[in-house]
Amino acid sequence: MTTPPSPMSRALDLARAAASAGEVPVGAVIIDPATGEIIGEGANAPVMAHDPTAHAEIIALRSAAAKLGNYRLTGLHLYVTLEPCAMCAGAISFARIGKVIYAASDPKGGAIVHGPRFFEQKTCHWRPEVEQDDASDLEAGDLLREFFRTRR
């Protein structure tokens, strides 16, 4: 019997698929921490979808909400290969995600540890637990660096 891939491993697979499609390589997976079941997932698709909101996190949130029939995703965990931007942080807060685990930091566009530090703002109504997955940081960062290196 084979062990299913970890949620971050699956998110990295989705990021690689996004890169193959010409999108910025970001993948996201939402799981139920009690069962380990994947509830939703997404890969970056703004170019293909002609949609500036088609970030991996947003697609994963939409997928999970549709599966559960509820926009509140309280207690679920979001694994994402890149620190979420302000738009995604807002959506994560509105969805009531319990925990965000991200791989690569994003000093330029991130909004959780960098930039506006969205979850620390007084106007943020829901603050998930946040953790960096140091074990996946290098791999996710390498995917991003290689993607942008080939475009410059």
N, C-alpha and C. Protein backbone atom coordinates (compact mmCIF):
# COMPACT_ATOMS: atom_id res chain seq x y z
N MET A 1 0.85 -1.18 0.00
CA MET A 1 0.00 0.00 0.00
C MET A 1 0.89 1.24 0.00
N THR A 2 0.61 2.15 -0.92
CA THR A 2 1.41 3.37 -1.00
C THR A 2 0.79 4.47 -0.15
N THR A 3 1.65 5.25 0.43
CA THR A 3 1.21 6.38 1.24
C THR A 3 0.88 7.54 0.33
N PRO A 4 -0.27 8.21 0.54
CA PRO A 4 -0.58 9.36 -0.30
C PRO A 4 0.45 10.48 -0.05
N PRO A 5 0.67 11.32 -1.06
CA PRO A 5 1.64 12.40 -0.87
C PRO A 5 1.16 13.36 0.21
N SER A 6 2.12 14.03 0.84
CA SER A 6 1.76 15.04 1.84
C SER A 6 1.03 16.18 1.14
N PRO A 7 0.25 16.96 1.89
CA PRO A 7 -0.44 18.09 1.25
C PRO A 7 0.52 19.07 0.58
N MET A 8 1.67 19.33 1.17
CA MET A 8 2.61 20.26 0.53
C MET A 8 3.21 19.64 -0.72
N SER A 9 3.45 18.34 -0.68
CA SER A 9 3.95 17.66 -1.88
C SER A 9 2.94 17.79 -3.02
N ARG A 10 1.67 17.62 -2.71
CA ARG A 10 0.62 17.78 -3.72
C ARG A 10 0.58 19.23 -4.21
N ALA A 11 0.72 20.19 -3.31
CA ALA A 11 0.74 21.60 -3.70
C ALA A 11 1.92 21.88 -4.64
N LEU A 12 3.07 21.28 -4.36
CA LEU A 12 4.23 21.45 -5.24
C LEU A 12 3.97 20.83 -6.61
N ASP A 13 3.28 19.69 -6.66
CA ASP A 13 2.90 19.09 -7.95
C ASP A 13 2.00 20.04 -8.74
N LEU A 14 1.05 20.66 -8.05
CA LEU A 14 0.16 21.63 -8.70
C LEU A 14 0.94 22.84 -9.19
N ALA A 15 1.93 23.28 -8.42
CA ALA A 15 2.77 24.41 -8.83
C ALA A 15 3.55 24.06 -10.10
N ARG A 16 4.09 22.85 -10.16
CA ARG A 16 4.81 22.42 -11.36
C ARG A 16 3.87 22.39 -12.58
N ALA A 17 2.65 21.93 -12.37
CA ALA A 17 1.66 21.91 -13.46
C ALA A 17 1.34 23.33 -13.92
N ALA A 18 1.24 24.26 -12.99
CA ALA A 18 0.99 25.66 -13.35
C ALA A 18 2.15 26.19 -14.20
N ALA A 19 3.37 25.91 -13.79
CA ALA A 19 4.54 26.36 -14.55
C ALA A 19 4.53 25.78 -15.96
N SER A 20 4.18 24.51 -16.09
CA SER A 20 4.11 23.87 -17.41
C SER A 20 3.07 24.53 -18.30
N ALA A 21 2.05 25.11 -17.69
CA ALA A 21 0.99 25.80 -18.44
C ALA A 21 1.32 27.27 -18.66
N GLY A 22 2.51 27.71 -18.24
CA GLY A 22 2.92 29.09 -18.43
C GLY A 22 2.47 30.04 -17.33
N GLU A 23 1.97 29.48 -16.23
CA GLU A 23 1.52 30.28 -15.10
C GLU A 23 2.63 30.34 -14.04
N VAL A 24 2.58 31.35 -13.19
CA VAL A 24 3.52 31.41 -12.07
C VAL A 24 3.29 30.16 -11.22
N PRO A 25 4.37 29.43 -10.90
CA PRO A 25 4.22 28.13 -10.22
C PRO A 25 3.83 28.23 -8.75
N VAL A 26 2.53 28.30 -8.52
CA VAL A 26 1.99 28.28 -7.16
C VAL A 26 0.87 27.25 -7.13
N GLY A 27 0.90 26.42 -6.09
CA GLY A 27 -0.15 25.43 -5.89
C GLY A 27 -0.66 25.51 -4.47
N ALA A 28 -1.93 25.12 -4.28
CA ALA A 28 -2.54 25.18 -2.96
C ALA A 28 -3.45 23.98 -2.75
N VAL A 29 -3.45 23.48 -1.51
CA VAL A 29 -4.26 22.33 -1.14
C VAL A 29 -4.92 22.62 0.20
N ILE A 30 -6.21 22.32 0.31
CA ILE A 30 -6.93 22.48 1.57
C ILE A 30 -7.31 21.09 2.06
N ILE A 31 -6.95 20.83 3.33
CA ILE A 31 -7.24 19.52 3.90
C ILE A 31 -8.06 19.66 5.18
N ASP A 32 -8.71 18.55 5.51
CA ASP A 32 -9.33 18.42 6.83
C ASP A 32 -8.25 17.78 7.71
N PRO A 33 -7.75 18.50 8.71
CA PRO A 33 -6.65 17.96 9.51
C PRO A 33 -7.06 16.73 10.33
N ALA A 34 -8.34 16.54 10.58
CA ALA A 34 -8.79 15.39 11.35
C ALA A 34 -8.66 14.09 10.55
N THR A 35 -8.85 14.19 9.22
CA THR A 35 -8.85 12.98 8.39
C THR A 35 -7.70 12.95 7.39
N GLY A 36 -7.12 14.11 7.10
CA GLY A 36 -6.09 14.21 6.07
C GLY A 36 -6.66 14.28 4.67
N GLU A 37 -7.99 14.26 4.55
CA GLU A 37 -8.65 14.29 3.24
C GLU A 37 -8.45 15.64 2.57
N ILE A 38 -8.14 15.60 1.28
CA ILE A 38 -8.06 16.82 0.49
C ILE A 38 -9.48 17.28 0.20
N ILE A 39 -9.80 18.49 0.60
CA ILE A 39 -11.13 19.07 0.42
C ILE A 39 -11.17 19.95 -0.82
N GLY A 40 -10.06 20.60 -1.14
CA GLY A 40 -9.98 21.46 -2.32
C GLY A 40 -8.54 21.68 -2.71
N GLU A 41 -8.32 22.02 -3.96
CA GLU A 41 -6.97 22.31 -4.43
C GLU A 41 -7.03 23.23 -5.62
N GLY A 42 -5.89 23.86 -5.89
CA GLY A 42 -5.83 24.76 -7.03
C GLY A 42 -4.41 25.07 -7.44
N ALA A 43 -4.26 25.45 -8.69
CA ALA A 43 -2.98 25.90 -9.23
C ALA A 43 -3.22 27.27 -9.85
N ASN A 44 -2.21 28.12 -9.83
CA ASN A 44 -2.35 29.44 -10.42
C ASN A 44 -2.87 29.34 -11.84
N ALA A 45 -3.83 30.21 -12.19
CA ALA A 45 -4.40 30.18 -13.54
C ALA A 45 -4.90 31.54 -14.03
N PRO A 46 -4.35 32.67 -13.57
CA PRO A 46 -4.87 33.95 -14.05
C PRO A 46 -4.74 34.15 -15.56
N VAL A 47 -3.65 33.66 -16.15
CA VAL A 47 -3.44 33.85 -17.59
C VAL A 47 -4.44 33.02 -18.37
N MET A 48 -4.51 31.73 -18.07
CA MET A 48 -5.42 30.83 -18.80
C MET A 48 -6.88 31.20 -18.58
N ALA A 49 -7.24 31.60 -17.38
CA ALA A 49 -8.64 31.90 -17.04
C ALA A 49 -9.03 33.34 -17.40
N HIS A 50 -8.03 34.15 -17.80
CA HIS A 50 -8.29 35.58 -18.04
C HIS A 50 -8.96 36.18 -16.81
N ASP A 51 -8.40 35.86 -15.65
CA ASP A 51 -9.01 36.23 -14.38
C ASP A 51 -7.92 36.60 -13.38
N PRO A 52 -7.80 37.87 -13.02
CA PRO A 52 -6.74 38.26 -12.09
C PRO A 52 -6.91 37.67 -10.69
N THR A 53 -8.09 37.14 -10.38
CA THR A 53 -8.30 36.53 -9.06
C THR A 53 -8.04 35.02 -9.06
N ALA A 54 -7.62 34.45 -10.16
CA ALA A 54 -7.44 33.00 -10.26
C ALA A 54 -6.10 32.55 -9.68
N HIS A 55 -5.83 32.99 -8.46
CA HIS A 55 -4.64 32.52 -7.74
C HIS A 55 -4.93 31.12 -7.19
N ALA A 56 -3.88 30.36 -6.95
CA ALA A 56 -4.03 28.99 -6.47
C ALA A 56 -4.89 28.92 -5.21
N GLU A 57 -4.67 29.85 -4.28
CA GLU A 57 -5.42 29.84 -3.02
C GLU A 57 -6.91 30.07 -3.25
N ILE A 58 -7.24 31.01 -4.13
CA ILE A 58 -8.64 31.33 -4.42
C ILE A 58 -9.32 30.13 -5.07
N ILE A 59 -8.64 29.51 -6.02
CA ILE A 59 -9.20 28.33 -6.68
C ILE A 59 -9.42 27.21 -5.67
N ALA A 60 -8.45 27.00 -4.77
CA ALA A 60 -8.59 25.97 -3.74
C ALA A 60 -9.74 26.28 -2.79
N LEU A 61 -9.88 27.55 -2.39
CA LEU A 61 -10.99 27.95 -1.52
C LEU A 61 -12.33 27.72 -2.20
N ARG A 62 -12.44 28.09 -3.46
CA ARG A 62 -13.69 27.88 -4.20
C ARG A 62 -14.01 26.40 -4.32
N SER A 63 -12.99 25.61 -4.59
CA SER A 63 -13.17 24.16 -4.72
C SER A 63 -13.65 23.54 -3.40
N ALA A 64 -13.02 23.92 -2.30
CA ALA A 64 -13.39 23.38 -0.99
C ALA A 64 -14.80 23.83 -0.59
N ALA A 65 -15.13 25.10 -0.84
CA ALA A 65 -16.45 25.61 -0.49
C ALA A 65 -17.53 24.90 -1.29
N ALA A 66 -17.27 24.65 -2.56
CA ALA A 66 -18.25 23.94 -3.40
C ALA A 66 -18.43 22.50 -2.90
N LYS A 67 -17.33 21.85 -2.56
CA LYS A 67 -17.41 20.46 -2.09
C LYS A 67 -18.21 20.37 -0.79
N LEU A 68 -18.00 21.33 0.11
CA LEU A 68 -18.66 21.29 1.41
C LEU A 68 -20.03 21.98 1.40
N GLY A 69 -20.31 22.74 0.34
CA GLY A 69 -21.57 23.47 0.29
C GLY A 69 -21.64 24.57 1.32
N ASN A 70 -20.49 25.16 1.63
CA ASN A 70 -20.42 26.19 2.65
C ASN A 70 -19.18 27.05 2.39
N TYR A 71 -19.34 28.36 2.46
CA TYR A 71 -18.17 29.23 2.26
C TYR A 71 -17.31 29.33 3.50
N ARG A 72 -17.80 28.89 4.63
CA ARG A 72 -17.00 28.85 5.86
C ARG A 72 -16.23 27.54 5.89
N LEU A 73 -14.92 27.66 5.93
CA LEU A 73 -14.04 26.49 5.92
C LEU A 73 -13.31 26.38 7.25
N THR A 74 -14.05 26.64 8.31
CA THR A 74 -13.51 26.69 9.66
C THR A 74 -12.77 25.40 10.02
N GLY A 75 -11.56 25.59 10.52
CA GLY A 75 -10.78 24.46 11.01
C GLY A 75 -9.96 23.73 9.96
N LEU A 76 -10.18 24.03 8.68
CA LEU A 76 -9.41 23.37 7.63
C LEU A 76 -8.03 24.01 7.52
N HIS A 77 -7.09 23.27 6.94
CA HIS A 77 -5.72 23.76 6.77
C HIS A 77 -5.44 23.99 5.30
N LEU A 78 -4.79 25.12 5.00
CA LEU A 78 -4.40 25.47 3.65
C LEU A 78 -2.88 25.35 3.53
N TYR A 79 -2.44 24.51 2.61
CA TYR A 79 -1.02 24.37 2.27
C TYR A 79 -0.82 25.09 0.94
N VAL A 80 0.16 26.00 0.89
CA VAL A 80 0.40 26.76 -0.33
C VAL A 80 1.91 26.93 -0.51
N THR A 81 2.34 26.92 -1.75
CA THR A 81 3.77 26.92 -2.03
C THR A 81 4.42 28.29 -1.93
N LEU A 82 3.62 29.35 -1.83
CA LEU A 82 4.15 30.71 -1.73
C LEU A 82 3.32 31.50 -0.73
N GLU A 83 3.97 32.31 0.06
CA GLU A 83 3.27 33.17 1.02
C GLU A 83 2.14 33.92 0.31
N PRO A 84 0.91 33.83 0.80
CA PRO A 84 -0.22 34.47 0.13
C PRO A 84 -0.12 36.00 0.05
N CYS A 85 -0.70 36.53 -1.03
CA CYS A 85 -0.79 37.97 -1.25
C CYS A 85 -1.94 38.54 -0.42
N ALA A 86 -2.14 39.84 -0.49
CA ALA A 86 -3.20 40.49 0.29
C ALA A 86 -4.59 40.01 -0.12
N MET A 87 -4.83 39.84 -1.42
CA MET A 87 -6.14 39.35 -1.88
C MET A 87 -6.42 37.98 -1.30
N CYS A 88 -5.45 37.09 -1.39
CA CYS A 88 -5.64 35.73 -0.89
C CYS A 88 -5.76 35.70 0.63
N ALA A 89 -4.98 36.54 1.31
CA ALA A 89 -5.08 36.60 2.77
C ALA A 89 -6.48 37.04 3.19
N GLY A 90 -7.05 38.00 2.48
CA GLY A 90 -8.42 38.43 2.76
C GLY A 90 -9.41 37.29 2.58
N ALA A 91 -9.28 36.56 1.49
CA ALA A 91 -10.18 35.43 1.23
C ALA A 91 -10.01 34.33 2.28
N ILE A 92 -8.78 34.08 2.68
CA ILE A 92 -8.49 33.08 3.71
C ILE A 92 -9.18 33.48 5.02
N SER A 93 -9.11 34.75 5.35
CA SER A 93 -9.75 35.25 6.56
C SER A 93 -11.27 35.11 6.48
N PHE A 94 -11.87 35.52 5.36
CA PHE A 94 -13.31 35.41 5.20
C PHE A 94 -13.78 33.96 5.24
N ALA A 95 -12.95 33.03 4.75
CA ALA A 95 -13.31 31.61 4.74
C ALA A 95 -13.14 30.96 6.11
N ARG A 96 -12.45 31.63 7.02
CA ARG A 96 -12.20 31.11 8.37
C ARG A 96 -11.30 29.87 8.37
N ILE A 97 -10.32 29.86 7.46
CA ILE A 97 -9.34 28.77 7.44
C ILE A 97 -8.65 28.73 8.81
N GLY A 98 -8.44 27.53 9.34
CA GLY A 98 -7.85 27.39 10.67
C GLY A 98 -6.34 27.58 10.70
N LYS A 99 -5.67 27.14 9.63
CA LYS A 99 -4.20 27.22 9.63
C LYS A 99 -3.71 27.34 8.20
N VAL A 100 -2.72 28.20 8.00
CA VAL A 100 -2.05 28.38 6.71
C VAL A 100 -0.62 27.90 6.87
N ILE A 101 -0.22 26.98 6.01
CA ILE A 101 1.15 26.50 5.98
C ILE A 101 1.70 26.86 4.59
N TYR A 102 2.71 27.73 4.54
CA TYR A 102 3.26 28.13 3.25
C TYR A 102 4.72 27.70 3.17
N ALA A 103 5.20 27.52 1.93
CA ALA A 103 6.58 27.08 1.71
C ALA A 103 7.51 28.28 1.56
N ALA A 104 7.48 28.93 0.42
CA ALA A 104 8.42 30.03 0.14
C ALA A 104 7.88 31.36 0.63
N SER A 105 8.75 32.15 1.23
CA SER A 105 8.40 33.52 1.62
C SER A 105 8.33 34.38 0.36
N ASP A 106 7.56 35.45 0.44
CA ASP A 106 7.45 36.38 -0.68
C ASP A 106 7.63 37.81 -0.17
N PRO A 107 8.89 38.26 -0.03
CA PRO A 107 9.14 39.60 0.49
C PRO A 107 8.53 40.71 -0.35
N LYS A 108 8.34 40.47 -1.65
CA LYS A 108 7.82 41.50 -2.55
C LYS A 108 6.28 41.55 -2.55
N GLY A 109 5.62 40.39 -2.62
CA GLY A 109 4.17 40.38 -2.77
C GLY A 109 3.42 39.70 -1.65
N GLY A 110 4.14 39.12 -0.71
CA GLY A 110 3.48 38.43 0.40
C GLY A 110 2.79 39.40 1.33
N ALA A 111 1.75 38.91 2.01
CA ALA A 111 0.98 39.81 2.87
C ALA A 111 0.72 39.23 4.25
N ILE A 112 1.41 38.14 4.57
CA ILE A 112 1.19 37.50 5.88
C ILE A 112 2.36 37.81 6.81
N VAL A 113 3.56 37.53 6.34
CA VAL A 113 4.77 37.79 7.12
C VAL A 113 5.43 39.07 6.61
N HIS A 114 5.23 39.37 5.35
CA HIS A 114 5.79 40.56 4.72
C HIS A 114 4.67 41.55 4.38
N GLY A 115 5.05 42.69 3.83
CA GLY A 115 4.07 43.67 3.38
C GLY A 115 3.10 44.08 4.47
N PRO A 116 1.81 44.05 4.18
CA PRO A 116 0.82 44.57 5.14
C PRO A 116 0.57 43.69 6.36
N ARG A 117 1.11 42.48 6.37
CA ARG A 117 0.86 41.56 7.50
C ARG A 117 -0.63 41.55 7.83
N PHE A 118 -1.38 41.12 6.85
CA PHE A 118 -2.84 41.21 6.86
C PHE A 118 -3.48 40.70 8.15
N PHE A 119 -3.05 39.55 8.63
CA PHE A 119 -3.70 38.95 9.80
C PHE A 119 -3.43 39.71 11.09
N GLU A 120 -2.49 40.65 11.07
CA GLU A 120 -2.18 41.45 12.25
C GLU A 120 -2.98 42.76 12.29
N GLN A 121 -3.73 43.05 11.24
CA GLN A 121 -4.47 44.31 11.17
C GLN A 121 -5.74 44.27 12.03
N LYS A 122 -6.09 45.40 12.63
CA LYS A 122 -7.29 45.48 13.47
C LYS A 122 -8.56 45.15 12.69
N THR A 123 -8.55 45.43 11.41
CA THR A 123 -9.74 45.19 10.58
C THR A 123 -9.88 43.74 10.14
N CYS A 124 -8.91 42.91 10.44
CA CYS A 124 -8.99 41.49 10.10
C CYS A 124 -9.86 40.79 11.15
N HIS A 125 -10.94 40.19 10.69
CA HIS A 125 -11.91 39.58 11.61
C HIS A 125 -11.58 38.14 12.00
N TRP A 126 -10.75 37.47 11.24
CA TRP A 126 -10.39 36.08 11.52
C TRP A 126 -8.91 35.90 11.25
N ARG A 127 -8.20 35.35 12.21
CA ARG A 127 -6.76 35.17 12.09
C ARG A 127 -6.41 33.69 12.20
N PRO A 128 -6.03 33.08 11.08
CA PRO A 128 -5.62 31.68 11.16
C PRO A 128 -4.24 31.56 11.80
N GLU A 129 -3.94 30.41 12.26
CA GLU A 129 -2.57 30.10 12.68
C GLU A 129 -1.73 30.07 11.39
N VAL A 130 -0.50 30.53 11.45
CA VAL A 130 0.38 30.58 10.28
C VAL A 130 1.70 29.91 10.60
N GLU A 131 2.17 29.11 9.65
CA GLU A 131 3.43 28.39 9.83
C GLU A 131 4.15 28.31 8.48
N GLN A 132 5.46 28.46 8.51
CA GLN A 132 6.24 28.25 7.29
C GLN A 132 6.76 26.83 7.30
N ASP A 133 6.63 26.16 6.15
CA ASP A 133 7.13 24.80 5.97
C ASP A 133 8.56 24.91 5.45
N ASP A 134 9.49 24.97 6.38
CA ASP A 134 10.90 25.14 6.01
C ASP A 134 11.41 24.02 5.12
N ALA A 135 10.87 22.81 5.27
CA ALA A 135 11.32 21.67 4.49
C ALA A 135 11.00 21.85 3.00
N SER A 136 9.96 22.58 2.67
CA SER A 136 9.56 22.78 1.27
C SER A 136 9.96 24.14 0.72
N ASP A 137 10.50 25.00 1.56
CA ASP A 137 10.86 26.36 1.15
C ASP A 137 11.81 26.36 -0.03
N LEU A 138 12.86 25.57 0.03
CA LEU A 138 13.88 25.56 -1.03
C LEU A 138 13.28 25.08 -2.35
N GLU A 139 12.53 23.99 -2.33
CA GLU A 139 11.96 23.46 -3.56
C GLU A 139 10.98 24.45 -4.20
N ALA A 140 10.11 25.04 -3.40
CA ALA A 140 9.15 26.01 -3.92
C ALA A 140 9.88 27.24 -4.45
N GLY A 141 10.87 27.71 -3.72
CA GLY A 141 11.65 28.86 -4.17
C GLY A 141 12.39 28.58 -5.46
N ASP A 142 12.95 27.37 -5.59
CA ASP A 142 13.65 26.99 -6.82
C ASP A 142 12.70 26.98 -8.02
N LEU A 143 11.49 26.48 -7.82
CA LEU A 143 10.48 26.48 -8.89
C LEU A 143 10.22 27.90 -9.38
N LEU A 144 10.03 28.80 -8.44
CA LEU A 144 9.75 30.19 -8.78
C LEU A 144 10.94 30.85 -9.46
N ARG A 145 12.15 30.67 -8.90
CA ARG A 145 13.34 31.28 -9.49
C ARG A 145 13.56 30.77 -10.91
N GLU A 146 13.42 29.48 -11.14
CA GLU A 146 13.61 28.90 -12.48
C GLU A 146 12.57 29.44 -13.46
N PHE A 147 11.32 29.54 -13.01
CA PHE A 147 10.24 30.06 -13.84
C PHE A 147 10.57 31.48 -14.32
N PHE A 148 10.95 32.35 -13.39
CA PHE A 148 11.22 33.74 -13.75
C PHE A 148 12.56 33.89 -14.48
N ARG A 149 13.54 33.04 -14.19
CA ARG A 149 14.82 33.09 -14.88
C ARG A 149 14.62 32.84 -16.38
N THR A 150 13.76 31.90 -16.72
CA THR A 150 13.54 31.57 -18.13
C THR A 150 12.74 32.65 -18.88
N ARG A 151 12.16 33.56 -18.14
CA ARG A 151 11.35 34.61 -18.76
C ARG A 151 12.09 35.94 -18.84
N ARG A 152 13.27 36.00 -18.31
CA ARG A 152 14.01 37.26 -18.33
C ARG A 152 15.06 37.28 -19.41
